[in-house]
Amino acid sequence: MGFYPEIFQELEAKLHDSIPSNLMHFKVAGDYESNWLRLRYEEFKNSMYELHFAQSSKKHANYFGTGYLDIVAFYYRKPASVNNRKAWLDAITPMSEYISEQLDMQFVLGTWSNNSVWLAACLQKEPVERDIEIYTKKVTKFIEVTYPHIRKAFQAIGIIR
């Protein structure tokens, strides 16, 4: 697994400059010593946005055709009940076509074993170089496009008002 402290620190700083002010209330989770950067919104309990840098993953390969890619995703995880996660996925599924059109990136909804449901977009397959400016724009767009739909899905299942 690679470690990306400089990239994640630079990306976090750029996200603070590019994300609209009404979506700036996230908290960064993690210490940069991994292959992911997590952003948590307090109102979305048991969930997070995650920028996940490439590593071999059979699960990702099932969705994206390769397990070696960089993705930006939103995970709704345990300890939320299986029924809540399934209801959330059912609530957001009808919105997925619109989300996909707005993102202009390969986009999927899925489940991750019995632990989480997620929506993800591929930033780059088989990454060789990572352009922080492009990644900042794509992550910002992913949050801008998905946030209101994620919120609606949580409202639909009664998790938030």
N, C-alpha and C. Protein backbone atom coordinates (compact mmCIF):
# COMPACT_ATOMS: atom_id res chain seq x y z
N MET A 1 0.84 -1.17 0.00
CA MET A 1 0.00 0.00 0.00
C MET A 1 0.89 1.23 0.00
N GLY A 2 0.52 2.22 -0.78
CA GLY A 2 1.30 3.45 -0.84
C GLY A 2 0.88 4.42 0.25
N PHE A 3 1.77 5.35 0.52
CA PHE A 3 1.47 6.40 1.47
C PHE A 3 1.55 7.73 0.74
N TYR A 4 0.59 8.62 0.98
CA TYR A 4 0.46 9.82 0.18
C TYR A 4 0.29 11.08 1.02
N PRO A 5 1.10 11.28 2.07
CA PRO A 5 0.85 12.44 2.94
C PRO A 5 0.91 13.78 2.22
N GLU A 6 1.88 13.99 1.33
CA GLU A 6 1.99 15.28 0.66
C GLU A 6 0.81 15.53 -0.26
N ILE A 7 0.41 14.51 -1.01
CA ILE A 7 -0.71 14.66 -1.94
C ILE A 7 -1.99 14.97 -1.16
N PHE A 8 -2.26 14.23 -0.09
CA PHE A 8 -3.50 14.43 0.66
C PHE A 8 -3.51 15.78 1.36
N GLN A 9 -2.37 16.23 1.90
CA GLN A 9 -2.33 17.54 2.54
C GLN A 9 -2.59 18.64 1.51
N GLU A 10 -1.99 18.52 0.34
CA GLU A 10 -2.21 19.52 -0.71
C GLU A 10 -3.66 19.47 -1.20
N LEU A 11 -4.20 18.28 -1.37
CA LEU A 11 -5.58 18.14 -1.83
C LEU A 11 -6.54 18.72 -0.79
N GLU A 12 -6.32 18.43 0.47
CA GLU A 12 -7.19 18.97 1.51
C GLU A 12 -7.19 20.50 1.49
N ALA A 13 -6.03 21.10 1.35
CA ALA A 13 -5.94 22.56 1.30
C ALA A 13 -6.69 23.10 0.08
N LYS A 14 -6.54 22.45 -1.05
CA LYS A 14 -7.21 22.91 -2.27
C LYS A 14 -8.73 22.71 -2.17
N LEU A 15 -9.17 21.64 -1.51
CA LEU A 15 -10.61 21.42 -1.33
C LEU A 15 -11.22 22.56 -0.52
N HIS A 16 -10.49 23.03 0.49
CA HIS A 16 -11.00 24.14 1.29
C HIS A 16 -11.18 25.39 0.44
N ASP A 17 -10.41 25.52 -0.62
CA ASP A 17 -10.54 26.67 -1.52
C ASP A 17 -11.59 26.46 -2.60
N SER A 18 -11.93 25.20 -2.90
CA SER A 18 -12.80 24.96 -4.06
C SER A 18 -14.22 24.52 -3.71
N ILE A 19 -14.43 23.93 -2.55
CA ILE A 19 -15.77 23.47 -2.17
C ILE A 19 -16.61 24.68 -1.78
N PRO A 20 -17.85 24.74 -2.25
CA PRO A 20 -18.72 25.88 -1.90
C PRO A 20 -18.88 26.01 -0.38
N SER A 21 -19.06 27.22 0.08
CA SER A 21 -19.11 27.49 1.51
C SER A 21 -20.20 26.70 2.23
N ASN A 22 -21.33 26.45 1.57
CA ASN A 22 -22.40 25.70 2.24
C ASN A 22 -22.04 24.22 2.44
N LEU A 23 -20.96 23.75 1.82
CA LEU A 23 -20.52 22.36 1.98
C LEU A 23 -19.17 22.26 2.69
N MET A 24 -18.72 23.35 3.28
CA MET A 24 -17.39 23.37 3.91
C MET A 24 -17.36 22.81 5.33
N HIS A 25 -18.46 22.34 5.84
CA HIS A 25 -18.51 21.92 7.24
C HIS A 25 -18.04 20.49 7.46
N PHE A 26 -17.27 19.94 6.56
CA PHE A 26 -16.74 18.58 6.74
C PHE A 26 -15.54 18.59 7.69
N LYS A 27 -15.25 17.43 8.24
CA LYS A 27 -14.05 17.23 9.04
C LYS A 27 -13.21 16.17 8.34
N VAL A 28 -11.92 16.37 8.32
CA VAL A 28 -11.01 15.41 7.70
C VAL A 28 -10.68 14.33 8.72
N ALA A 29 -10.77 13.09 8.29
CA ALA A 29 -10.42 11.96 9.15
C ALA A 29 -9.19 11.28 8.56
N GLY A 30 -8.31 10.86 9.41
CA GLY A 30 -7.12 10.17 8.94
C GLY A 30 -5.88 10.99 9.21
N ASP A 31 -4.76 10.33 9.07
CA ASP A 31 -3.49 10.97 9.37
C ASP A 31 -2.59 11.05 8.14
N TYR A 32 -3.16 10.86 6.98
CA TYR A 32 -2.46 10.91 5.70
C TYR A 32 -1.51 9.74 5.47
N GLU A 33 -1.37 8.86 6.43
CA GLU A 33 -0.41 7.75 6.29
C GLU A 33 -1.12 6.50 5.77
N SER A 34 -1.85 6.66 4.71
CA SER A 34 -2.60 5.54 4.15
C SER A 34 -2.82 5.81 2.67
N ASN A 35 -3.70 5.03 2.07
CA ASN A 35 -4.03 5.26 0.67
C ASN A 35 -5.42 5.89 0.53
N TRP A 36 -5.92 6.53 1.61
CA TRP A 36 -7.22 7.18 1.54
C TRP A 36 -7.24 8.46 2.36
N LEU A 37 -8.15 9.34 1.98
CA LEU A 37 -8.45 10.57 2.70
C LEU A 37 -9.95 10.59 2.90
N ARG A 38 -10.39 10.74 4.14
CA ARG A 38 -11.82 10.70 4.45
C ARG A 38 -12.31 12.07 4.90
N LEU A 39 -13.49 12.41 4.41
CA LEU A 39 -14.17 13.63 4.80
C LEU A 39 -15.51 13.24 5.41
N ARG A 40 -15.76 13.70 6.61
CA ARG A 40 -17.00 13.35 7.31
C ARG A 40 -17.86 14.59 7.52
N TYR A 41 -19.15 14.41 7.20
CA TYR A 41 -20.16 15.42 7.49
C TYR A 41 -20.95 14.92 8.69
N GLU A 42 -21.02 15.74 9.74
CA GLU A 42 -21.63 15.32 10.99
C GLU A 42 -23.06 14.82 10.82
N GLU A 43 -23.82 15.43 9.90
CA GLU A 43 -25.23 15.05 9.74
C GLU A 43 -25.39 13.66 9.10
N PHE A 44 -24.35 13.15 8.46
CA PHE A 44 -24.41 11.82 7.84
C PHE A 44 -23.72 10.83 8.76
N LYS A 45 -24.44 10.37 9.76
CA LYS A 45 -23.88 9.44 10.74
C LYS A 45 -23.47 8.13 10.06
N ASN A 46 -22.42 7.53 10.57
CA ASN A 46 -21.92 6.23 10.09
C ASN A 46 -21.55 6.27 8.60
N SER A 47 -21.08 7.41 8.14
CA SER A 47 -20.76 7.50 6.72
C SER A 47 -19.64 8.51 6.49
N MET A 48 -19.13 8.51 5.26
CA MET A 48 -18.02 9.40 4.93
C MET A 48 -17.82 9.45 3.43
N TYR A 49 -17.25 10.56 2.98
CA TYR A 49 -16.68 10.64 1.65
C TYR A 49 -15.26 10.12 1.76
N GLU A 50 -14.79 9.48 0.72
CA GLU A 50 -13.43 8.96 0.77
C GLU A 50 -12.77 9.07 -0.60
N LEU A 51 -11.57 9.61 -0.60
CA LEU A 51 -10.71 9.57 -1.77
C LEU A 51 -9.79 8.38 -1.53
N HIS A 52 -9.86 7.41 -2.41
CA HIS A 52 -9.16 6.14 -2.22
C HIS A 52 -8.17 5.95 -3.37
N PHE A 53 -6.89 5.91 -3.04
CA PHE A 53 -5.88 5.73 -4.08
C PHE A 53 -5.65 4.25 -4.36
N ALA A 54 -5.22 4.00 -5.54
CA ALA A 54 -5.12 2.66 -6.12
C ALA A 54 -4.43 1.64 -5.22
N GLN A 55 -5.06 0.50 -5.20
CA GLN A 55 -4.46 -0.72 -4.70
C GLN A 55 -5.29 -1.84 -5.32
N SER A 56 -4.76 -3.00 -5.33
CA SER A 56 -5.46 -4.11 -5.97
C SER A 56 -6.73 -4.45 -5.18
N SER A 57 -7.86 -4.47 -5.86
CA SER A 57 -9.14 -4.75 -5.20
C SER A 57 -10.05 -5.51 -6.15
N LYS A 58 -10.38 -6.74 -5.80
CA LYS A 58 -11.31 -7.51 -6.63
C LYS A 58 -12.69 -6.87 -6.64
N LYS A 59 -13.10 -6.29 -5.53
CA LYS A 59 -14.42 -5.65 -5.46
C LYS A 59 -14.49 -4.46 -6.42
N HIS A 60 -13.46 -3.63 -6.43
CA HIS A 60 -13.44 -2.51 -7.37
C HIS A 60 -13.44 -3.02 -8.80
N ALA A 61 -12.71 -4.09 -9.05
CA ALA A 61 -12.67 -4.65 -10.41
C ALA A 61 -14.05 -5.09 -10.86
N ASN A 62 -14.86 -5.61 -9.94
CA ASN A 62 -16.23 -6.01 -10.29
C ASN A 62 -17.04 -4.83 -10.80
N TYR A 63 -16.79 -3.65 -10.27
CA TYR A 63 -17.57 -2.47 -10.64
C TYR A 63 -16.94 -1.65 -11.77
N PHE A 64 -15.61 -1.57 -11.78
CA PHE A 64 -14.93 -0.66 -12.70
C PHE A 64 -14.08 -1.34 -13.76
N GLY A 65 -14.00 -2.66 -13.74
CA GLY A 65 -13.21 -3.36 -14.74
C GLY A 65 -11.73 -3.47 -14.40
N THR A 66 -11.32 -2.82 -13.33
CA THR A 66 -9.95 -2.96 -12.83
C THR A 66 -9.97 -2.73 -11.33
N GLY A 67 -9.11 -3.39 -10.63
CA GLY A 67 -9.01 -3.18 -9.18
C GLY A 67 -7.95 -2.16 -8.84
N TYR A 68 -7.26 -1.67 -9.86
CA TYR A 68 -6.18 -0.73 -9.62
C TYR A 68 -6.60 0.63 -10.17
N LEU A 69 -7.20 1.46 -9.33
CA LEU A 69 -7.71 2.74 -9.76
C LEU A 69 -7.84 3.67 -8.58
N ASP A 70 -8.00 4.95 -8.87
CA ASP A 70 -8.29 5.95 -7.84
C ASP A 70 -9.77 6.26 -7.92
N ILE A 71 -10.44 6.27 -6.77
CA ILE A 71 -11.87 6.57 -6.75
C ILE A 71 -12.16 7.63 -5.71
N VAL A 72 -13.30 8.29 -5.89
CA VAL A 72 -13.89 9.11 -4.85
C VAL A 72 -15.24 8.44 -4.58
N ALA A 73 -15.56 8.26 -3.31
CA ALA A 73 -16.75 7.49 -2.97
C ALA A 73 -17.43 8.09 -1.74
N PHE A 74 -18.67 7.66 -1.55
CA PHE A 74 -19.40 7.94 -0.33
C PHE A 74 -19.84 6.60 0.23
N TYR A 75 -19.48 6.33 1.48
CA TYR A 75 -19.82 5.06 2.13
C TYR A 75 -20.78 5.31 3.28
N TYR A 76 -21.81 4.48 3.35
CA TYR A 76 -22.72 4.45 4.50
C TYR A 76 -22.48 3.10 5.13
N ARG A 77 -21.93 3.08 6.35
CA ARG A 77 -21.35 1.87 6.92
C ARG A 77 -22.00 1.44 8.22
N LYS A 78 -21.49 0.30 8.69
CA LYS A 78 -21.81 -0.14 10.04
C LYS A 78 -21.32 0.95 10.98
N PRO A 79 -21.93 1.12 12.11
CA PRO A 79 -22.89 0.27 12.78
C PRO A 79 -24.33 0.51 12.37
N ALA A 80 -24.58 1.27 11.33
CA ALA A 80 -25.95 1.42 10.86
C ALA A 80 -26.51 0.04 10.54
N SER A 81 -27.77 -0.14 10.78
CA SER A 81 -28.36 -1.46 10.56
C SER A 81 -28.37 -1.83 9.08
N VAL A 82 -28.38 -3.11 8.81
CA VAL A 82 -28.46 -3.60 7.43
C VAL A 82 -29.71 -3.05 6.77
N ASN A 83 -30.83 -3.03 7.50
CA ASN A 83 -32.08 -2.53 6.93
C ASN A 83 -31.97 -1.05 6.56
N ASN A 84 -31.33 -0.25 7.42
CA ASN A 84 -31.15 1.17 7.10
C ASN A 84 -30.26 1.35 5.88
N ARG A 85 -29.19 0.57 5.79
CA ARG A 85 -28.30 0.68 4.64
C ARG A 85 -29.01 0.28 3.36
N LYS A 86 -29.80 -0.78 3.43
CA LYS A 86 -30.55 -1.22 2.24
C LYS A 86 -31.60 -0.17 1.86
N ALA A 87 -32.29 0.37 2.83
CA ALA A 87 -33.30 1.40 2.56
C ALA A 87 -32.66 2.64 1.95
N TRP A 88 -31.48 3.02 2.46
CA TRP A 88 -30.77 4.17 1.91
C TRP A 88 -30.38 3.92 0.46
N LEU A 89 -29.87 2.72 0.17
CA LEU A 89 -29.49 2.38 -1.20
C LEU A 89 -30.72 2.40 -2.11
N ASP A 90 -31.84 1.87 -1.62
CA ASP A 90 -33.08 1.90 -2.39
C ASP A 90 -33.54 3.34 -2.65
N ALA A 91 -33.32 4.22 -1.67
CA ALA A 91 -33.75 5.62 -1.82
C ALA A 91 -32.87 6.38 -2.80
N ILE A 92 -31.60 6.08 -2.84
CA ILE A 92 -30.71 6.85 -3.72
C ILE A 92 -30.64 6.26 -5.13
N THR A 93 -30.98 5.00 -5.30
CA THR A 93 -30.88 4.36 -6.62
C THR A 93 -31.64 5.12 -7.71
N PRO A 94 -32.87 5.58 -7.49
CA PRO A 94 -33.56 6.32 -8.56
C PRO A 94 -32.86 7.62 -8.96
N MET A 95 -32.02 8.14 -8.09
CA MET A 95 -31.29 9.38 -8.37
C MET A 95 -29.98 9.12 -9.12
N SER A 96 -29.59 7.87 -9.22
CA SER A 96 -28.25 7.55 -9.73
C SER A 96 -28.04 7.95 -11.19
N GLU A 97 -29.06 7.85 -12.02
CA GLU A 97 -28.89 8.23 -13.42
C GLU A 97 -28.61 9.74 -13.52
N TYR A 98 -29.34 10.53 -12.77
CA TYR A 98 -29.11 11.98 -12.77
C TYR A 98 -27.71 12.29 -12.24
N ILE A 99 -27.33 11.65 -11.14
CA ILE A 99 -26.00 11.87 -10.57
C ILE A 99 -24.93 11.54 -11.61
N SER A 100 -25.08 10.41 -12.27
CA SER A 100 -24.10 9.99 -13.27
C SER A 100 -23.97 11.01 -14.40
N GLU A 101 -25.10 11.50 -14.89
CA GLU A 101 -25.08 12.51 -15.96
C GLU A 101 -24.37 13.78 -15.50
N GLN A 102 -24.61 14.19 -14.28
CA GLN A 102 -24.01 15.41 -13.76
C GLN A 102 -22.51 15.28 -13.51
N LEU A 103 -22.08 14.09 -13.15
CA LEU A 103 -20.67 13.90 -12.80
C LEU A 103 -19.76 13.84 -14.02
N ASP A 104 -20.24 13.27 -15.10
CA ASP A 104 -19.40 13.06 -16.27
C ASP A 104 -18.17 12.22 -15.92
N MET A 105 -18.37 11.23 -15.05
CA MET A 105 -17.34 10.27 -14.66
C MET A 105 -18.04 8.91 -14.58
N GLN A 106 -17.28 7.83 -14.72
CA GLN A 106 -17.87 6.51 -14.52
C GLN A 106 -18.32 6.43 -13.06
N PHE A 107 -19.58 6.06 -12.85
CA PHE A 107 -20.21 6.13 -11.55
C PHE A 107 -20.95 4.83 -11.27
N VAL A 108 -20.87 4.34 -10.04
CA VAL A 108 -21.58 3.11 -9.66
C VAL A 108 -22.15 3.24 -8.25
N LEU A 109 -23.20 2.46 -8.01
CA LEU A 109 -23.73 2.23 -6.66
C LEU A 109 -23.44 0.78 -6.34
N GLY A 110 -23.18 0.47 -5.08
CA GLY A 110 -22.93 -0.92 -4.78
C GLY A 110 -22.93 -1.21 -3.30
N THR A 111 -22.62 -2.43 -2.98
CA THR A 111 -22.49 -2.87 -1.60
C THR A 111 -21.07 -3.36 -1.39
N TRP A 112 -20.60 -3.21 -0.19
CA TRP A 112 -19.26 -3.65 0.16
C TRP A 112 -19.43 -4.69 1.26
N SER A 113 -19.40 -5.96 0.86
CA SER A 113 -19.71 -7.09 1.74
C SER A 113 -20.99 -6.78 2.50
N ASN A 114 -21.03 -7.07 3.76
CA ASN A 114 -22.22 -6.77 4.55
C ASN A 114 -22.01 -5.52 5.40
N ASN A 115 -20.91 -4.80 5.11
CA ASN A 115 -20.54 -3.68 5.96
C ASN A 115 -21.04 -2.32 5.50
N SER A 116 -21.18 -2.11 4.20
CA SER A 116 -21.54 -0.77 3.76
C SER A 116 -22.18 -0.78 2.39
N VAL A 117 -22.87 0.30 2.11
CA VAL A 117 -23.36 0.58 0.76
C VAL A 117 -22.61 1.83 0.32
N TRP A 118 -22.44 2.00 -0.97
CA TRP A 118 -21.62 3.10 -1.42
C TRP A 118 -21.99 3.55 -2.81
N LEU A 119 -21.58 4.77 -3.11
CA LEU A 119 -21.63 5.27 -4.47
C LEU A 119 -20.24 5.80 -4.75
N ALA A 120 -19.75 5.54 -5.94
CA ALA A 120 -18.36 5.88 -6.24
C ALA A 120 -18.21 6.31 -7.68
N ALA A 121 -17.18 7.10 -7.92
CA ALA A 121 -16.81 7.51 -9.27
C ALA A 121 -15.32 7.27 -9.45
N CYS A 122 -14.98 6.85 -10.63
CA CYS A 122 -13.59 6.57 -10.95
C CYS A 122 -12.87 7.87 -11.32
N LEU A 123 -11.81 8.17 -10.61
CA LEU A 123 -11.00 9.35 -10.93
C LEU A 123 -10.00 9.02 -12.03
N GLN A 124 -9.38 7.85 -11.92
CA GLN A 124 -8.37 7.46 -12.89
C GLN A 124 -8.08 5.97 -12.75
N LYS A 125 -8.08 5.27 -13.87
CA LYS A 125 -7.70 3.86 -13.86
C LYS A 125 -6.20 3.75 -14.08
N GLU A 126 -5.61 2.74 -13.46
CA GLU A 126 -4.18 2.47 -13.61
C GLU A 126 -3.35 3.76 -13.47
N PRO A 127 -3.48 4.50 -12.36
CA PRO A 127 -2.82 5.80 -12.24
C PRO A 127 -1.30 5.70 -12.28
N VAL A 128 -0.73 6.59 -13.04
CA VAL A 128 0.72 6.72 -13.12
C VAL A 128 1.12 8.03 -12.44
N GLU A 129 0.42 9.11 -12.82
CA GLU A 129 0.63 10.41 -12.19
C GLU A 129 -0.71 10.94 -11.72
N ARG A 130 -0.68 11.72 -10.67
CA ARG A 130 -1.91 12.30 -10.14
C ARG A 130 -1.81 13.82 -10.22
N ASP A 131 -2.73 14.41 -10.97
CA ASP A 131 -2.77 15.87 -11.11
C ASP A 131 -3.70 16.41 -10.03
N ILE A 132 -3.13 17.09 -9.05
CA ILE A 132 -3.91 17.57 -7.91
C ILE A 132 -5.00 18.54 -8.34
N GLU A 133 -4.75 19.36 -9.32
CA GLU A 133 -5.76 20.31 -9.79
C GLU A 133 -6.98 19.56 -10.35
N ILE A 134 -6.73 18.56 -11.17
CA ILE A 134 -7.82 17.77 -11.76
C ILE A 134 -8.55 16.99 -10.67
N TYR A 135 -7.80 16.36 -9.75
CA TYR A 135 -8.44 15.61 -8.67
C TYR A 135 -9.28 16.53 -7.78
N THR A 136 -8.77 17.74 -7.50
CA THR A 136 -9.53 18.69 -6.69
C THR A 136 -10.85 19.02 -7.36
N LYS A 137 -10.81 19.29 -8.65
CA LYS A 137 -12.04 19.60 -9.39
C LYS A 137 -13.01 18.42 -9.38
N LYS A 138 -12.51 17.21 -9.58
CA LYS A 138 -13.38 16.03 -9.63
C LYS A 138 -13.97 15.71 -8.26
N VAL A 139 -13.17 15.80 -7.20
CA VAL A 139 -13.68 15.53 -5.86
C VAL A 139 -14.70 16.59 -5.47
N THR A 140 -14.40 17.85 -5.76
CA THR A 140 -15.34 18.94 -5.48
C THR A 140 -16.66 18.69 -6.21
N LYS A 141 -16.58 18.36 -7.48
CA LYS A 141 -17.80 18.12 -8.25
C LYS A 141 -18.57 16.93 -7.69
N PHE A 142 -17.86 15.87 -7.31
CA PHE A 142 -18.51 14.69 -6.73
C PHE A 142 -19.30 15.08 -5.48
N ILE A 143 -18.70 15.86 -4.61
CA ILE A 143 -19.39 16.29 -3.38
C ILE A 143 -20.56 17.20 -3.72
N GLU A 144 -20.34 18.18 -4.60
CA GLU A 144 -21.42 19.11 -4.97
C GLU A 144 -22.62 18.37 -5.56
N VAL A 145 -22.36 17.41 -6.42
CA VAL A 145 -23.45 16.70 -7.11
C VAL A 145 -24.13 15.70 -6.17
N THR A 146 -23.35 14.97 -5.40
CA THR A 146 -23.94 13.88 -4.60
C THR A 146 -24.54 14.33 -3.28
N TYR A 147 -23.99 15.36 -2.66
CA TYR A 147 -24.43 15.77 -1.33
C TYR A 147 -25.95 15.94 -1.22
N PRO A 148 -26.59 16.72 -2.10
CA PRO A 148 -28.04 16.89 -1.93
C PRO A 148 -28.82 15.58 -2.09
N HIS A 149 -28.34 14.68 -2.93
CA HIS A 149 -29.04 13.40 -3.14
C HIS A 149 -28.80 12.45 -1.97
N ILE A 150 -27.61 12.47 -1.43
CA ILE A 150 -27.32 11.68 -0.23
C ILE A 150 -28.20 12.17 0.90
N ARG A 151 -28.31 13.48 1.03
CA ARG A 151 -29.16 14.06 2.08
C ARG A 151 -30.62 13.64 1.90
N LYS A 152 -31.12 13.71 0.66
CA LYS A 152 -32.50 13.29 0.39
C LYS A 152 -32.72 11.83 0.73
N ALA A 153 -31.73 10.99 0.43
CA ALA A 153 -31.86 9.55 0.74
C ALA A 153 -31.92 9.35 2.25
N PHE A 154 -31.09 10.06 3.01
CA PHE A 154 -31.15 9.95 4.47
C PHE A 154 -32.48 10.48 5.00
N GLN A 155 -33.00 11.54 4.40
CA GLN A 155 -34.32 12.05 4.81
C GLN A 155 -35.41 11.04 4.50
N ALA A 156 -35.32 10.39 3.36
CA ALA A 156 -36.34 9.41 2.95
C ALA A 156 -36.43 8.24 3.92
N ILE A 157 -35.32 7.89 4.55
CA ILE A 157 -35.38 6.76 5.49
C ILE A 157 -35.46 7.22 6.95
N GLY A 158 -35.62 8.55 7.14
CA GLY A 158 -35.86 9.09 8.48
C GLY A 158 -34.62 9.24 9.34
N ILE A 159 -33.43 9.21 8.76
CA ILE A 159 -32.20 9.36 9.54
C ILE A 159 -31.94 10.82 9.87
N ILE A 160 -32.24 11.72 8.94
CA ILE A 160 -32.12 13.16 9.19
C ILE A 160 -33.40 13.84 8.73
N ARG A 161 -33.61 15.05 9.21
CA ARG A 161 -34.81 15.81 8.84
C ARG A 161 -34.53 16.71 7.68
